């Protein structure tokens, strides 16, 4: 589903990406909070004076303004970057962010999470409550608390409002636009190679003395807040120092460092400071992080060139050295499904099901075996049984909808997704599958409405407007639906105006 979904989005060259970002963000002064330092625009020598966001007394961007900026940034980012369609990984990351946010000093704890399907290690936070995580972070973090330490650090940037404070500190100077950094993030998430690294290096090189010092101050503050958040949540505060050490090793042993390090530089002093702070806190016993290792297995499977090579890799781990035996078994079962071997996959998976029969990850894997065998009835019954025991589980809902879709039960899938879209309004994956389901169920107006919402969330307003106008024309005899679509069209036109007038 991922490739077809992403094919709907406009893919443009890096130069076009930067042009679009500048055009959309220039007057708003939108900034990316990644180390909370303003950077010069890539391939653009012109300096741009940002507008006054606030008053001269406060000098602070309001929470409402930050929220608006963050949502606009997220739409533009999604339009250019391949995001993960793995509902289990999305749910895991969202759950961790939500949990840690509860223990952070963040005032607005509602965070929009975007998971980028990229094997590089990166994470970032955007003013207005947006957090991004590359799937590659799972590959670098060897245990859950290390992964959590990066998330907690980014929450630290958000809670301390480093973006607003950076504007206040430099309000009387000429601040270069942050579109360059946005473009670099897009390049890092799409090209992933030297192009992205070169772009980010060029952006960072433009940071001058006072900006760099401010960056170090922000990083120290985010470290402090992040480690405190880890400890308050019951996680191991020493994991932050461990993660920093792994990042530092990456700069020594890898040909190119993780993208994260280009804006979050790690030094021996920073590692020592993190360890010292953690040592002053209560010791925490190692936690059971099976779910983390299961997600890690899913990411590792996706990085293998072929399913056959994945089968060999997980087989070797299961019979040899591994971080977690259950995760190695789970990864092997998934690899066998991908390789088209349902019988072998069931033999591998069954011991896990025997131990925890209602665990969502195992039930979904078992349903995948049913679907591979074209036993659609068993797949849908199995998933419905698990959903009844785990109501509201995102991965199970999407799995059940997908199973109904593959089984040709389009009305059942449509009912499930239409209800779910009312509570999960900002998830492009829900609207995408709902649009496909509407079409096969014969609801053409519904296709246009769902497709419009999908394009809105991905920042492609011209396509959204096109679908809304089609829906309006086709719903003339249904006053309620017609009125909803008319209002939504007005909303989108305002969004488009806001960007085009900049």
Foldseek 3Di string as FASTA:
>chain_A
DQVVLLVVFDEDDLVVLLVLLCLQCQALLFAFFQLLFFWAAPPDPDFGAYDQQDDLVVLFHDLVSQQVSVLLLLLSLLSHARFDPQQLVVLVVVVLLLLLLVLFLAPDSDAAETEGADLFFAKGAGGSHYIYGYLVVLVLQLFDLLSSLVSLLRVLCRRVVSNRVNCSVQVPHGGGGNSLVSSLVSCCRPVVDPVSVVSLLVGLVRGDDVSVVSSVVSSVRSLVRSLSSCVSSLHQLLSNLVSLVSQVVQPVPPPDGGPSCSSNPGDPVNSVVSNVVRVVDDGHDDDDGPSSLLSSLVSVCVPDPALVVQLVVLVCCCVDPDSDNLSSLLSNLQSCLRVLNLVVSCVSLVVVCVVPVLDPSSLLSNLSSCVSVVVLVVSLVSLVVSCVVVPPSRSSLVSNLVSCVSNLVLVVSLVSLVVVCVVVVLDLSSLVSNLVSCVSVVNLLSNLQSVLSNSVSNVNLVSSLVSLVVSLVVCVVPVVSNVVSVVVNVVSVVVVCSSNVD
